[in-house]
Amino acid sequence: MAVTDRVSVMRGGRMVAQRATAETSREELAELMVGRRVQLRPDKRAARPGRTVLEVRDLEVKVTDDRGVPRVKAVSFEVRAGEIVGIAGVAGNGQSALLEAIAGI
């Protein structure tokens, strides 16, 4: 919003609004984007992670890329009850090999 004079909002492939940036707000734009009122600062409780349900230490998968580099090398993490964990990366960087190893495939 600091670098625009006008803003256009599309939803579902259709233009739903155009506004002068100075005459709108983040809240209004968010509502226009999703079609309903949005709480931009959700009320959250402090995290209270539970017991460890998955622990991975120094995992290595011997599958290599076309340069001979292991797809998964020295990966360590733990997941606690109540957590949501995502694994992300550019395709081919070992996410599938990591998940297959964890699942025992």
PDB file of N, CA and C in Angstrom:
ATOM      1  N   MET A   1       0.828  -1.189   0.000  1.00  0.00           N
ATOM      2  CA  MET A   1       0.000   0.000   0.000  1.00  0.00           C
ATOM      3  C   MET A   1       0.872   1.252   0.000  1.00  0.00           C
ATOM      4  N   ALA A   2       2.108   1.116   0.434  1.00  0.00           N
ATOM      5  CA  ALA A   2       2.999   2.271   0.486  1.00  0.00           C
ATOM      6  C   ALA A   2       3.499   2.680  -0.893  1.00  0.00           C
ATOM      7  N   VAL A   3       3.352   1.822  -1.890  1.00  0.00           N
ATOM      8  CA  VAL A   3       3.924   2.127  -3.204  1.00  0.00           C
ATOM      9  C   VAL A   3       2.881   2.208  -4.309  1.00  0.00           C
ATOM     10  N   THR A   4       1.598   2.302  -3.945  1.00  0.00           N
ATOM     11  CA  THR A   4       0.555   2.355  -4.970  1.00  0.00           C
ATOM     12  C   THR A   4      -0.335   3.584  -4.804  1.00  0.00           C
ATOM     13  N   ASP A   5      -0.913   3.995  -5.914  1.00  0.00           N
ATOM     14  CA  ASP A   5      -1.925   5.057  -5.891  1.00  0.00           C
ATOM     15  C   ASP A   5      -3.327   4.470  -5.979  1.00  0.00           C
ATOM     16  N   ARG A   6      -3.446   3.356  -6.737  1.00  0.00           N
ATOM     17  CA  ARG A   6      -4.724   2.669  -6.913  1.00  0.00           C
ATOM     18  C   ARG A   6      -4.501   1.181  -6.735  1.00  0.00           C
ATOM     19  N   VAL A   7      -5.544   0.496  -6.311  1.00  0.00           N
ATOM     20  CA  VAL A   7      -5.471  -0.946  -6.140  1.00  0.00           C
ATOM     21  C   VAL A   7      -6.714  -1.569  -6.756  1.00  0.00           C
ATOM     22  N   SER A   8      -6.514  -2.695  -7.448  1.00  0.00           N
ATOM     23  CA  SER A   8      -7.612  -3.460  -8.034  1.00  0.00           C
ATOM     24  C   SER A   8      -7.650  -4.823  -7.365  1.00  0.00           C
ATOM     25  N   VAL A   9      -8.851  -5.310  -7.098  1.00  0.00           N
ATOM     26  CA  VAL A   9      -9.017  -6.606  -6.438  1.00  0.00           C
ATOM     27  C   VAL A   9      -9.781  -7.532  -7.355  1.00  0.00           C
ATOM     28  N   MET A  10      -9.212  -8.724  -7.581  1.00  0.00           N
ATOM     29  CA  MET A  10      -9.889  -9.769  -8.351  1.00  0.00           C
ATOM     30  C   MET A  10     -10.229 -10.912  -7.406  1.00  0.00           C
ATOM     31  N   ARG A  11     -11.371 -11.532  -7.632  1.00  0.00           N
ATOM     32  CA  ARG A  11     -11.781 -12.716  -6.875  1.00  0.00           C
ATOM     33  C   ARG A  11     -12.504 -13.632  -7.832  1.00  0.00           C
ATOM     34  N   GLY A  12     -12.099 -14.876  -7.865  1.00  0.00           N
ATOM     35  CA  GLY A  12     -12.754 -15.836  -8.747  1.00  0.00           C
ATOM     36  C   GLY A  12     -12.599 -15.481 -10.215  1.00  0.00           C
ATOM     37  N   GLY A  13     -11.481 -14.839 -10.563  1.00  0.00           N
ATOM     38  CA  GLY A  13     -11.228 -14.493 -11.958  1.00  0.00           C
ATOM     39  C   GLY A  13     -11.969 -13.270 -12.456  1.00  0.00           C
ATOM     40  N   ARG A  14     -12.631 -12.532 -11.545  1.00  0.00           N
ATOM     41  CA  ARG A  14     -13.391 -11.338 -11.940  1.00  0.00           C
ATOM     42  C   ARG A  14     -12.935 -10.139 -11.120  1.00  0.00           C
ATOM     43  N   MET A  15     -12.949  -8.977 -11.731  1.00  0.00           N
ATOM     44  CA  MET A  15     -12.639  -7.743 -11.029  1.00  0.00           C
ATOM     45  C   MET A  15     -13.803  -7.421 -10.097  1.00  0.00           C
ATOM     46  N   VAL A  16     -13.530  -7.287  -8.802  1.00  0.00           N
ATOM     47  CA  VAL A  16     -14.598  -7.005  -7.847  1.00  0.00           C
ATOM     48  C   VAL A  16     -14.521  -5.595  -7.274  1.00  0.00           C
ATOM     49  N   ALA A  17     -13.351  -4.951  -7.390  1.00  0.00           N
ATOM     50  CA  ALA A  17     -13.251  -3.600  -6.837  1.00  0.00           C
ATOM     51  C   ALA A  17     -12.005  -2.899  -7.331  1.00  0.00           C
ATOM     52  N   GLN A  18     -12.099  -1.587  -7.385  1.00  0.00           N
ATOM     53  CA  GLN A  18     -10.958  -0.718  -7.627  1.00  0.00           C
ATOM     54  C   GLN A  18     -11.071   0.418  -6.629  1.00  0.00           C
ATOM     55  N   ARG A  19      -9.965   0.739  -5.985  1.00  0.00           N
ATOM     56  CA  ARG A  19      -9.978   1.769  -4.959  1.00  0.00           C
ATOM     57  C   ARG A  19      -8.737   2.642  -5.083  1.00  0.00           C
ATOM     58  N   ALA A  20      -8.871   3.907  -4.684  1.00  0.00           N
ATOM     59  CA  ALA A  20      -7.692   4.746  -4.466  1.00  0.00           C
ATOM     60  C   ALA A  20      -7.057   4.229  -3.180  1.00  0.00           C
ATOM     61  N   THR A  21      -5.781   3.953  -3.210  1.00  0.00           N
ATOM     62  CA  THR A  21      -5.116   3.371  -2.046  1.00  0.00           C
ATOM     63  C   THR A  21      -5.314   4.219  -0.793  1.00  0.00           C
ATOM     64  N   ALA A  22      -5.258   5.512  -0.948  1.00  0.00           N
ATOM     65  CA  ALA A  22      -5.414   6.411   0.202  1.00  0.00           C
ATOM     66  C   ALA A  22      -6.811   6.363   0.797  1.00  0.00           C
ATOM     67  N   GLU A  23      -7.778   5.822   0.055  1.00  0.00           N
ATOM     68  CA  GLU A  23      -9.167   5.795   0.517  1.00  0.00           C
ATOM     69  C   GLU A  23      -9.640   4.411   0.943  1.00  0.00           C
ATOM     70  N   THR A  24      -8.700   3.477   1.122  1.00  0.00           N
ATOM     71  CA  THR A  24      -9.075   2.132   1.552  1.00  0.00           C
ATOM     72  C   THR A  24      -8.177   1.707   2.705  1.00  0.00           C
ATOM     73  N   SER A  25      -8.365   0.494   3.168  1.00  0.00           N
ATOM     74  CA  SER A  25      -7.566  -0.037   4.281  1.00  0.00           C
ATOM     75  C   SER A  25      -7.208  -1.490   3.995  1.00  0.00           C
ATOM     76  N   ARG A  26      -6.255  -2.000   4.736  1.00  0.00           N
ATOM     77  CA  ARG A  26      -5.888  -3.419   4.615  1.00  0.00           C
ATOM     78  C   ARG A  26      -7.098  -4.296   4.912  1.00  0.00           C
ATOM     79  N   GLU A  27      -7.877  -3.901   5.891  1.00  0.00           N
ATOM     80  CA  GLU A  27      -9.053  -4.680   6.283  1.00  0.00           C
ATOM     81  C   GLU A  27     -10.081  -4.741   5.151  1.00  0.00           C
ATOM     82  N   GLU A  28     -10.346  -3.593   4.523  1.00  0.00           N
ATOM     83  CA  GLU A  28     -11.305  -3.577   3.422  1.00  0.00           C
ATOM     84  C   GLU A  28     -10.802  -4.406   2.257  1.00  0.00           C
ATOM     85  N   LEU A  29      -9.530  -4.280   1.935  1.00  0.00           N
ATOM     86  CA  LEU A  29      -8.973  -5.048   0.818  1.00  0.00           C
ATOM     87  C   LEU A  29      -9.031  -6.548   1.091  1.00  0.00           C
ATOM     88  N   ALA A  30      -8.720  -6.951   2.304  1.00  0.00           N
ATOM     89  CA  ALA A  30      -8.800  -8.372   2.657  1.00  0.00           C
ATOM     90  C   ALA A  30     -10.224  -8.884   2.503  1.00  0.00           C
ATOM     91  N   GLU A  31     -11.200  -8.111   2.948  1.00  0.00           N
ATOM     92  CA  GLU A  31     -12.603  -8.494   2.814  1.00  0.00           C
ATOM     93  C   GLU A  31     -13.000  -8.613   1.345  1.00  0.00           C
ATOM     94  N   LEU A  32     -12.554  -7.669   0.524  1.00  0.00           N
ATOM     95  CA  LEU A  32     -12.848  -7.733  -0.908  1.00  0.00           C
ATOM     96  C   LEU A  32     -12.204  -8.958  -1.555  1.00  0.00           C
ATOM     97  N   MET A  33     -11.011  -9.322  -1.112  1.00  0.00           N
ATOM     98  CA  MET A  33     -10.299 -10.466  -1.693  1.00  0.00           C
ATOM     99  C   MET A  33     -10.999 -11.788  -1.427  1.00  0.00           C
ATOM    100  N   VAL A  34     -11.517 -11.970  -0.204  1.00  0.00           N
ATOM    101  CA  VAL A  34     -12.088 -13.271   0.152  1.00  0.00           C
ATOM    102  C   VAL A  34     -13.613 -13.284   0.175  1.00  0.00           C
ATOM    103  N   GLY A  35     -14.247 -12.113   0.097  1.00  0.00           N
ATOM    104  CA  GLY A  35     -15.702 -12.068   0.045  1.00  0.00           C
ATOM    105  C   GLY A  35     -16.386 -12.132   1.383  1.00  0.00           C
ATOM    106  N   ARG A  36     -15.640 -11.935   2.449  1.00  0.00           N
ATOM    107  CA  ARG A  36     -16.216 -11.906   3.790  1.00  0.00           C
ATOM    108  C   ARG A  36     -15.257 -11.149   4.705  1.00  0.00           C
ATOM    109  N   ARG A  37     -15.753 -10.787   5.866  1.00  0.00           N
ATOM    110  CA  ARG A  37     -14.931 -10.059   6.835  1.00  0.00           C
ATOM    111  C   ARG A  37     -13.775 -10.952   7.286  1.00  0.00           C
ATOM    112  N   VAL A  38     -12.595 -10.357   7.380  1.00  0.00           N
ATOM    113  CA  VAL A  38     -11.386 -11.095   7.750  1.00  0.00           C
ATOM    114  C   VAL A  38     -10.763 -10.448   8.972  1.00  0.00           C
ATOM    115  N   GLN A  39     -10.368 -11.267   9.927  1.00  0.00           N
ATOM    116  CA  GLN A  39      -9.670 -10.765  11.102  1.00  0.00           C
ATOM    117  C   GLN A  39      -8.178 -10.863  10.812  1.00  0.00           C
ATOM    118  N   LEU A  40      -7.513  -9.725  10.601  1.00  0.00           N
ATOM    119  CA  LEU A  40      -6.106  -9.724  10.220  1.00  0.00           C
ATOM    120  C   LEU A  40      -5.174 -10.034  11.378  1.00  0.00           C
ATOM    121  N   ARG A  41      -5.626  -9.809  12.582  1.00  0.00           N
ATOM    122  CA  ARG A  41      -4.819 -10.123  13.764  1.00  0.00           C
ATOM    123  C   ARG A  41      -5.616 -11.085  14.644  1.00  0.00           C
ATOM    124  N   PRO A  42      -5.549 -12.373  14.318  1.00  0.00           N
ATOM    125  CA  PRO A  42      -6.358 -13.335  15.080  1.00  0.00           C
ATOM    126  C   PRO A  42      -5.923 -13.408  16.540  1.00  0.00           C
ATOM    127  N   ASP A  43      -6.896 -13.633  17.403  1.00  0.00           N
ATOM    128  CA  ASP A  43      -6.604 -13.845  18.818  1.00  0.00           C
ATOM    129  C   ASP A  43      -6.027 -15.246  18.952  1.00  0.00           C
ATOM    130  N   LYS A  44      -4.825 -15.321  19.471  1.00  0.00           N
ATOM    131  CA  LYS A  44      -4.180 -16.626  19.616  1.00  0.00           C
ATOM    132  C   LYS A  44      -3.748 -16.824  21.055  1.00  0.00           C
ATOM    133  N   ARG A  45      -3.876 -18.053  21.480  1.00  0.00           N
ATOM    134  CA  ARG A  45      -3.324 -18.424  22.776  1.00  0.00           C
ATOM    135  C   ARG A  45      -1.841 -18.722  22.591  1.00  0.00           C
ATOM    136  N   ALA A  46      -1.110 -18.696  23.653  1.00  0.00           N
ATOM    137  CA  ALA A  46       0.292 -19.094  23.593  1.00  0.00           C
ATOM    138  C   ALA A  46       0.354 -20.586  23.254  1.00  0.00           C
ATOM    139  N   ALA A  47       1.315 -20.949  22.433  1.00  0.00           N
ATOM    140  CA  ALA A  47       1.472 -22.354  22.053  1.00  0.00           C
ATOM    141  C   ALA A  47       1.825 -23.191  23.277  1.00  0.00           C
ATOM    142  N   ARG A  48       1.219 -24.365  23.333  1.00  0.00           N
ATOM    143  CA  ARG A  48       1.531 -25.317  24.404  1.00  0.00           C
ATOM    144  C   ARG A  48       1.781 -26.677  23.766  1.00  0.00           C
ATOM    145  N   PRO A  49       2.953 -26.860  23.137  1.00  0.00           N
ATOM    146  CA  PRO A  49       3.220 -28.131  22.465  1.00  0.00           C
ATOM    147  C   PRO A  49       3.155 -29.301  23.444  1.00  0.00           C
ATOM    148  N   GLY A  50       2.631 -30.416  22.944  1.00  0.00           N
ATOM    149  CA  GLY A  50       2.531 -31.629  23.752  1.00  0.00           C
ATOM    150  C   GLY A  50       3.804 -32.452  23.691  1.00  0.00           C
ATOM    151  N   ARG A  51       3.652 -33.706  23.976  1.00  0.00           N
ATOM    152  CA  ARG A  51       4.823 -34.600  23.980  1.00  0.00           C
ATOM    153  C   ARG A  51       5.331 -34.815  22.559  1.00  0.00           C
ATOM    154  N   THR A  52       6.560 -35.209  22.422  1.00  0.00           N
ATOM    155  CA  THR A  52       7.140 -35.486  21.115  1.00  0.00           C
ATOM    156  C   THR A  52       6.501 -36.741  20.543  1.00  0.00           C
ATOM    157  N   VAL A  53       5.959 -36.636  19.319  1.00  0.00           N
ATOM    158  CA  VAL A  53       5.319 -37.778  18.667  1.00  0.00           C
ATOM    159  C   VAL A  53       6.135 -38.291  17.482  1.00  0.00           C
ATOM    160  N   LEU A  54       7.095 -37.494  16.999  1.00  0.00           N
ATOM    161  CA  LEU A  54       7.990 -37.932  15.935  1.00  0.00           C
ATOM    162  C   LEU A  54       9.320 -37.240  16.137  1.00  0.00           C
ATOM    163  N   GLU A  55      10.384 -38.041  16.157  1.00  0.00           N
ATOM    164  CA  GLU A  55      11.721 -37.484  16.287  1.00  0.00           C
ATOM    165  C   GLU A  55      12.601 -38.073  15.195  1.00  0.00           C
ATOM    166  N   VAL A  56      13.245 -37.222  14.436  1.00  0.00           N
ATOM    167  CA  VAL A  56      14.149 -37.639  13.367  1.00  0.00           C
ATOM    168  C   VAL A  56      15.513 -37.032  13.691  1.00  0.00           C
ATOM    169  N   ARG A  57      16.553 -37.870  13.715  1.00  0.00           N
ATOM    170  CA  ARG A  57      17.894 -37.399  14.037  1.00  0.00           C
ATOM    171  C   ARG A  57      18.883 -37.865  12.983  1.00  0.00           C
ATOM    172  N   ASP A  58      19.573 -36.918  12.373  1.00  0.00           N
ATOM    173  CA  ASP A  58      20.652 -37.180  11.414  1.00  0.00           C
ATOM    174  C   ASP A  58      20.244 -38.153  10.311  1.00  0.00           C
ATOM    175  N   LEU A  59      19.038 -37.988   9.796  1.00  0.00           N
ATOM    176  CA  LEU A  59      18.544 -38.860   8.732  1.00  0.00           C
ATOM    177  C   LEU A  59      19.298 -38.602   7.437  1.00  0.00           C
ATOM    178  N   GLU A  60      19.714 -39.668   6.792  1.00  0.00           N
ATOM    179  CA  GLU A  60      20.331 -39.568   5.469  1.00  0.00           C
ATOM    180  C   GLU A  60      19.688 -40.606   4.564  1.00  0.00           C
ATOM    181  N   VAL A  61      19.348 -40.185   3.358  1.00  0.00           N
ATOM    182  CA  VAL A  61      18.789 -41.073   2.353  1.00  0.00           C
ATOM    183  C   VAL A  61      19.828 -41.178   1.252  1.00  0.00           C
ATOM    184  N   LYS A  62      20.191 -42.379   0.877  1.00  0.00           N
ATOM    185  CA  LYS A  62      21.280 -42.595  -0.080  1.00  0.00           C
ATOM    186  C   LYS A  62      20.917 -42.250  -1.523  1.00  0.00           C
ATOM    187  N   VAL A  63      19.678 -41.834  -1.785  1.00  0.00           N
ATOM    188  CA  VAL A  63      19.285 -41.407  -3.131  1.00  0.00           C
ATOM    189  C   VAL A  63      20.024 -40.110  -3.430  1.00  0.00           C
ATOM    190  N   THR A  64      20.615 -40.016  -4.634  1.00  0.00           N
ATOM    191  CA  THR A  64      21.361 -38.816  -4.993  1.00  0.00           C
ATOM    192  C   THR A  64      20.754 -38.143  -6.216  1.00  0.00           C
ATOM    193  N   ASP A  65      21.106 -36.867  -6.393  1.00  0.00           N
ATOM    194  CA  ASP A  65      20.657 -36.148  -7.580  1.00  0.00           C
ATOM    195  C   ASP A  65      21.613 -36.440  -8.731  1.00  0.00           C
ATOM    196  N   ASP A  66      21.444 -35.743  -9.867  1.00  0.00           N
ATOM    197  CA  ASP A  66      22.266 -36.023 -11.047  1.00  0.00           C
ATOM    198  C   ASP A  66      23.730 -35.622 -10.864  1.00  0.00           C
ATOM    199  N   ARG A  67      24.057 -34.913  -9.772  1.00  0.00           N
ATOM    200  CA  ARG A  67      25.446 -34.552  -9.475  1.00  0.00           C
ATOM    201  C   ARG A  67      26.041 -35.436  -8.395  1.00  0.00           C
ATOM    202  N   GLY A  68      25.275 -36.426  -7.940  1.00  0.00           N
ATOM    203  CA  GLY A  68      25.757 -37.332  -6.913  1.00  0.00           C
ATOM    204  C   GLY A  68      25.587 -36.811  -5.489  1.00  0.00           C
ATOM    205  N   VAL A  69      24.838 -35.732  -5.324  1.00  0.00           N
ATOM    206  CA  VAL A  69      24.611 -35.148  -4.000  1.00  0.00           C
ATOM    207  C   VAL A  69      23.397 -35.830  -3.367  1.00  0.00           C
ATOM    208  N   PRO A  70      23.531 -36.298  -2.103  1.00  0.00           N
ATOM    209  CA  PRO A  70      22.381 -36.934  -1.446  1.00  0.00           C
ATOM    210  C   PRO A  70      21.198 -35.980  -1.359  1.00  0.00           C
ATOM    211  N   ARG A  71      19.997 -36.500  -1.624  1.00  0.00           N
ATOM    212  CA  ARG A  71      18.780 -35.682  -1.536  1.00  0.00           C
ATOM    213  C   ARG A  71      18.472 -35.313  -0.091  1.00  0.00           C
ATOM    214  N   VAL A  72      18.797 -36.203   0.837  1.00  0.00           N
ATOM    215  CA  VAL A  72      18.540 -35.964   2.260  1.00  0.00           C
ATOM    216  C   VAL A  72      19.819 -36.300   3.015  1.00  0.00           C
ATOM    217  N   LYS A  73      20.352 -35.331   3.748  1.00  0.00           N
ATOM    218  CA  LYS A  73      21.609 -35.550   4.466  1.00  0.00           C
ATOM    219  C   LYS A  73      21.567 -34.803   5.796  1.00  0.00           C
ATOM    220  N   ALA A  74      21.732 -35.541   6.879  1.00  0.00           N
ATOM    221  CA  ALA A  74      21.838 -34.987   8.233  1.00  0.00           C
ATOM    222  C   ALA A  74      20.616 -34.142   8.616  1.00  0.00           C
ATOM    223  N   VAL A  75      19.410 -34.646   8.339  1.00  0.00           N
ATOM    224  CA  VAL A  75      18.175 -33.932   8.688  1.00  0.00           C
ATOM    225  C   VAL A  75      17.737 -34.360  10.090  1.00  0.00           C
ATOM    226  N   SER A  76      17.453 -33.369  10.920  1.00  0.00           N
ATOM    227  CA  SER A  76      16.972 -33.627  12.278  1.00  0.00           C
ATOM    228  C   SER A  76      15.821 -32.685  12.598  1.00  0.00           C
ATOM    229  N   PHE A  77      14.795 -33.205  13.238  1.00  0.00           N
ATOM    230  CA  PHE A  77      13.689 -32.381  13.723  1.00  0.00           C
ATOM    231  C   PHE A  77      12.818 -33.232  14.625  1.00  0.00           C
ATOM    232  N   GLU A  78      11.946 -32.563  15.352  1.00  0.00           N
ATOM    233  CA  GLU A  78      10.939 -33.283  16.139  1.00  0.00           C
ATOM    234  C   GLU A  78       9.601 -32.604  15.965  1.00  0.00           C
ATOM    235  N   VAL A  79       8.566 -33.406  16.066  1.00  0.00           N
ATOM    236  CA  VAL A  79       7.194 -32.919  15.958  1.00  0.00           C
ATOM    237  C   VAL A  79       6.500 -33.263  17.264  1.00  0.00           C
ATOM    238  N   ARG A  80       5.825 -32.272  17.823  1.00  0.00           N
ATOM    239  CA  ARG A  80       5.121 -32.472  19.092  1.00  0.00           C
ATOM    240  C   ARG A  80       3.614 -32.532  18.862  1.00  0.00           C
ATOM    241  N   ALA A  81       2.919 -33.197  19.734  1.00  0.00           N
ATOM    242  CA  ALA A  81       1.462 -33.289  19.654  1.00  0.00           C
ATOM    243  C   ALA A  81       0.872 -31.892  19.564  1.00  0.00           C
ATOM    244  N   GLY A  82      -0.068 -31.722  18.635  1.00  0.00           N
ATOM    245  CA  GLY A  82      -0.736 -30.442  18.456  1.00  0.00           C
ATOM    246  C   GLY A  82      -0.074 -29.533  17.446  1.00  0.00           C
ATOM    247  N   GLU A  83       1.107 -29.876  16.970  1.00  0.00           N
ATOM    248  CA  GLU A  83       1.785 -29.047  15.973  1.00  0.00           C
ATOM    249  C   GLU A  83       1.352 -29.427  14.569  1.00  0.00           C
ATOM    250  N   ILE A  84       1.426 -28.466  13.680  1.00  0.00           N
ATOM    251  CA  ILE A  84       1.237 -28.706  12.259  1.00  0.00           C
ATOM    252  C   ILE A  84       2.580 -28.401  11.606  1.00  0.00           C
ATOM    253  N   VAL A  85       3.114 -29.360  10.872  1.00  0.00           N
ATOM    254  CA  VAL A  85       4.435 -29.208  10.266  1.00  0.00           C
ATOM    255  C   VAL A  85       4.312 -29.326   8.762  1.00  0.00           C
ATOM    256  N   GLY A  86       4.990 -28.452   8.057  1.00  0.00           N
ATOM    257  CA  GLY A  86       5.023 -28.505   6.598  1.00  0.00           C
ATOM    258  C   GLY A  86       6.441 -28.709   6.117  1.00  0.00           C
ATOM    259  N   ILE A  87       6.592 -29.475   5.057  1.00  0.00           N
ATOM    260  CA  ILE A  87       7.885 -29.683   4.404  1.00  0.00           C
ATOM    261  C   ILE A  87       7.770 -29.044   3.030  1.00  0.00           C
ATOM    262  N   ALA A  88       8.632 -28.091   2.721  1.00  0.00           N
ATOM    263  CA  ALA A  88       8.521 -27.369   1.460  1.00  0.00           C
ATOM    264  C   ALA A  88       9.894 -27.189   0.828  1.00  0.00           C
ATOM    265  N   GLY A  89       9.892 -27.047  -0.464  1.00  0.00           N
ATOM    266  CA  GLY A  89      11.121 -26.781  -1.199  1.00  0.00           C
ATOM    267  C   GLY A  89      10.857 -26.878  -2.681  1.00  0.00           C
ATOM    268  N   VAL A  90      11.845 -26.506  -3.458  1.00  0.00           N
ATOM    269  CA  VAL A  90      11.757 -26.596  -4.904  1.00  0.00           C
ATOM    270  C   VAL A  90      11.722 -28.067  -5.295  1.00  0.00           C
ATOM    271  N   ALA A  91      10.898 -28.402  -6.290  1.00  0.00           N
ATOM    272  CA  ALA A  91      10.769 -29.791  -6.733  1.00  0.00           C
ATOM    273  C   ALA A  91      12.142 -30.395  -7.007  1.00  0.00           C
ATOM    274  N   GLY A  92      12.350 -31.601  -6.495  1.00  0.00           N
ATOM    275  CA  GLY A  92      13.606 -32.305  -6.724  1.00  0.00           C
ATOM    276  C   GLY A  92      14.657 -32.095  -5.648  1.00  0.00           C
ATOM    277  N   ASN A  93      14.320 -31.358  -4.593  1.00  0.00           N
ATOM    278  CA  ASN A  93      15.306 -31.087  -3.547  1.00  0.00           C
ATOM    279  C   ASN A  93      15.215 -32.021  -2.352  1.00  0.00           C
ATOM    280  N   GLY A  94      14.471 -33.118  -2.480  1.00  0.00           N
ATOM    281  CA  GLY A  94      14.510 -34.140  -1.445  1.00  0.00           C
ATOM    282  C   GLY A  94      13.294 -34.258  -0.546  1.00  0.00           C
ATOM    283  N   GLN A  95      12.270 -33.414  -0.748  1.00  0.00           N
ATOM    284  CA  GLN A  95      11.108 -33.514   0.130  1.00  0.00           C
ATOM    285  C   GLN A  95      10.455 -34.883   0.037  1.00  0.00           C
ATOM    286  N   SER A  96      10.279 -35.389  -1.183  1.00  0.00           N
ATOM    287  CA  SER A  96       9.638 -36.705  -1.351  1.00  0.00           C
ATOM    288  C   SER A  96      10.486 -37.802  -0.731  1.00  0.00           C
ATOM    289  N   ALA A  97      11.792 -37.752  -0.937  1.00  0.00           N
ATOM    290  CA  ALA A  97      12.683 -38.758  -0.353  1.00  0.00           C
ATOM    291  C   ALA A  97      12.617 -38.711   1.171  1.00  0.00           C
ATOM    292  N   LEU A  98      12.548 -37.517   1.735  1.00  0.00           N
ATOM    293  CA  LEU A  98      12.438 -37.367   3.182  1.00  0.00           C
ATOM    294  C   LEU A  98      11.148 -37.994   3.695  1.00  0.00           C
ATOM    295  N   LEU A  99      10.025 -37.659   3.069  1.00  0.00           N
ATOM    296  CA  LEU A  99       8.740 -38.186   3.522  1.00  0.00           C
ATOM    297  C   LEU A  99       8.661 -39.691   3.334  1.00  0.00           C
ATOM    298  N   GLU A 100       9.212 -40.205   2.238  1.00  0.00           N
ATOM    299  CA  GLU A 100       9.216 -41.662   2.023  1.00  0.00           C
ATOM    300  C   GLU A 100      10.053 -42.369   3.085  1.00  0.00           C
ATOM    301  N   ALA A 101      11.185 -41.797   3.443  1.00  0.00           N
ATOM    302  CA  ALA A 101      12.027 -42.406   4.474  1.00  0.00           C
ATOM    303  C   ALA A 101      11.313 -42.423   5.827  1.00  0.00           C
ATOM    304  N   ILE A 102      10.667 -41.313   6.175  1.00  0.00           N
ATOM    305  CA  ILE A 102       9.936 -41.243   7.439  1.00  0.00           C
ATOM    306  C   ILE A 102       8.816 -42.268   7.474  1.00  0.00           C
ATOM    307  N   ALA A 103       8.139 -42.465   6.320  1.00  0.00           N
ATOM    308  CA  ALA A 103       7.026 -43.428   6.245  1.00  0.00           C
ATOM    309  C   ALA A 103       7.502 -44.867   6.091  1.00  0.00           C
ATOM    310  N   GLY A 104       8.806 -45.050   5.893  1.00  0.00           N
ATOM    311  CA  GLY A 104       9.344 -46.402   5.755  1.00  0.00           C
ATOM    312  C   GLY A 104       9.146 -46.995   4.375  1.00  0.00           C
ATOM    313  N   ILE A 105       8.980 -46.154   3.365  1.00  0.00           N
ATOM    314  CA  ILE A 105       8.783 -46.633   2.000  1.00  0.00           C
ATOM    315  C   ILE A 105      10.134 -46.846   1.345  1.00  0.00           C
TER     316      ILE A 105
END
